[in-house]
């Protein structure tokens, strides 16, 4: 059962959220799986796998701790562009085709303003 008083329990497979690292690195993540205590995700732009503690929002593992700072749902058109970008980065093998198109650049620009404006 979802505990609606704890925001991170609202995340479901397929949701996109944002995390920030102390270095300032921005993680736009797609939820791959959710357990009682973890959120398993991958970064949309790099395809790196990341695990977060479901109660604190902090990354788990040896890397620098990053923390989920926004789970605000993206507008549908932006969400769909981000899903397309995720697919492109996951499946594409030709480095020339990794270049972002105009729509992807606009979506990332939107996300960079949207998530800080909609914190947890």
Protein backbone atom coordinates (compact mmCIF):
# COMPACT_ATOMS: atom_id res chain seq x y z
CA UNK A 1 0.00 0.00 0.00
CA UNK A 2 1.27 3.47 -0.86
CA UNK A 3 1.97 5.78 2.07
CA UNK A 4 0.87 9.11 0.56
CA UNK A 5 2.47 11.04 3.44
CA UNK A 6 5.93 9.99 2.18
CA UNK A 7 6.47 11.46 -1.31
CA UNK A 8 9.00 8.87 -2.51
CA UNK A 9 6.45 6.10 -2.04
CA UNK A 10 4.46 7.68 -4.87
CA UNK A 11 7.09 6.80 -7.49
CA UNK A 12 6.13 3.95 -9.79
CA UNK A 13 7.83 2.14 -12.66
CA UNK A 14 7.95 4.45 -15.69
CA UNK A 15 7.96 7.68 -13.67
CA UNK A 16 10.66 10.28 -14.32
CA UNK A 17 12.20 12.18 -11.41
CA UNK A 18 15.19 14.39 -10.67
CA UNK A 19 18.14 14.06 -8.29
CA UNK A 20 20.97 16.49 -7.57
CA UNK A 21 24.52 15.70 -6.44
CA UNK A 22 26.70 17.86 -4.18
CA UNK A 23 28.89 18.54 -7.23
CA UNK A 24 25.85 20.07 -8.94
CA UNK A 25 25.39 17.11 -11.31
CA UNK A 26 21.80 16.71 -12.45
CA UNK A 27 20.27 13.24 -12.71
CA UNK A 28 17.11 12.89 -14.80
CA UNK A 29 16.04 9.37 -13.91
CA UNK A 30 13.48 6.84 -15.12
CA UNK A 31 12.15 4.40 -12.52
CA UNK A 32 12.83 0.79 -13.52
CA UNK A 33 11.73 -0.96 -10.34
CA UNK A 34 10.54 -0.17 -6.83
CA UNK A 35 10.96 -2.36 -3.75
CA UNK A 36 9.97 -1.74 -0.14
CA UNK A 37 13.22 0.10 0.53
CA UNK A 38 14.74 1.00 -2.86
CA UNK A 39 14.08 2.84 -6.08
CA UNK A 40 16.01 1.37 -8.99
CA UNK A 41 16.41 3.80 -11.84
CA UNK A 42 18.53 4.66 -14.83
CA UNK A 43 19.71 8.07 -15.91
CA UNK A 44 17.97 9.07 -19.12
CA UNK A 45 20.98 10.71 -20.76
CA UNK A 46 23.78 8.33 -19.73
CA UNK A 47 21.88 5.09 -19.08
CA UNK A 48 23.80 4.63 -15.81
CA UNK A 49 21.95 2.50 -13.27
CA UNK A 50 21.30 4.22 -9.95
CA UNK A 51 19.74 2.94 -6.72
CA UNK A 52 18.09 5.27 -4.23
CA UNK A 53 17.00 4.67 -0.66
CA UNK A 54 13.22 4.92 -0.74
CA UNK A 55 12.96 6.57 2.67
CA UNK A 56 15.73 9.18 2.31
CA UNK A 57 16.03 9.64 -1.46
CA UNK A 58 19.83 9.29 -1.25
CA UNK A 59 21.81 7.16 -3.68
CA UNK A 60 23.09 3.82 -2.47
CA UNK A 61 26.56 2.60 -3.33
CA UNK A 62 30.13 3.81 -3.44
CA UNK A 63 29.61 6.95 -5.49
CA UNK A 64 29.04 10.46 -4.16
CA UNK A 65 25.65 10.75 -2.54
CA UNK A 66 23.02 12.34 -4.74
CA UNK A 67 19.52 12.99 -3.47
CA UNK A 68 16.13 12.98 -5.14
CA UNK A 69 14.97 16.58 -5.07
CA UNK A 70 11.85 16.50 -7.25
CA UNK A 71 9.26 13.95 -8.30
CA UNK A 72 6.97 16.49 -9.93
CA UNK A 73 5.26 14.89 -12.93
CA UNK A 74 6.40 16.37 -16.21
CA UNK A 75 3.87 17.72 -18.69
CA UNK A 76 2.89 14.89 -21.03
CA UNK A 77 4.67 16.26 -24.10
CA UNK A 78 7.95 16.71 -22.19
CA UNK A 79 7.56 13.30 -20.53
CA UNK A 80 7.17 11.70 -23.96
CA UNK A 81 10.25 13.47 -25.35
CA UNK A 82 12.26 12.27 -22.34
CA UNK A 83 11.05 8.70 -22.91
CA UNK A 84 12.10 8.99 -26.54
CA UNK A 85 15.51 10.30 -25.49
CA UNK A 86 15.88 7.41 -23.05
CA UNK A 87 15.07 4.94 -25.81
CA UNK A 88 17.48 6.62 -28.20
CA UNK A 89 20.33 6.54 -25.67
CA UNK A 90 19.58 2.94 -24.71
CA UNK A 91 19.29 1.46 -28.20
CA UNK A 92 21.38 3.63 -30.51
CA UNK A 93 24.82 2.38 -31.51
CA UNK A 94 25.87 5.08 -33.99
CA UNK A 95 27.61 7.94 -32.08
CA UNK A 96 26.51 10.43 -34.75
CA UNK A 97 22.87 9.73 -33.89
CA UNK A 98 23.41 10.54 -30.19
CA UNK A 99 23.24 14.22 -31.07
CA UNK A 100 20.22 15.88 -29.52
CA UNK A 101 17.54 17.21 -31.82
CA UNK A 102 15.75 20.53 -31.26
CA UNK A 103 12.85 18.92 -29.37
CA UNK A 104 15.23 17.06 -27.00
CA UNK A 105 17.26 20.21 -26.33
CA UNK A 106 14.05 22.12 -25.53
CA UNK A 107 12.85 19.32 -23.21
CA UNK A 108 16.14 19.21 -21.29
CA UNK A 109 16.11 23.00 -21.01
CA UNK A 110 12.54 22.83 -19.68
CA UNK A 111 13.46 20.12 -17.15
CA UNK A 112 16.44 22.15 -15.91
CA UNK A 113 14.05 24.94 -14.92
CA UNK A 114 11.02 22.84 -14.00
CA UNK A 115 12.47 20.54 -11.36
CA UNK A 116 14.15 23.26 -9.24
CA UNK A 117 10.83 25.13 -9.35
CA UNK A 118 8.99 22.02 -8.09
CA UNK A 119 11.05 20.60 -5.20
CA UNK A 120 9.97 17.84 -2.84
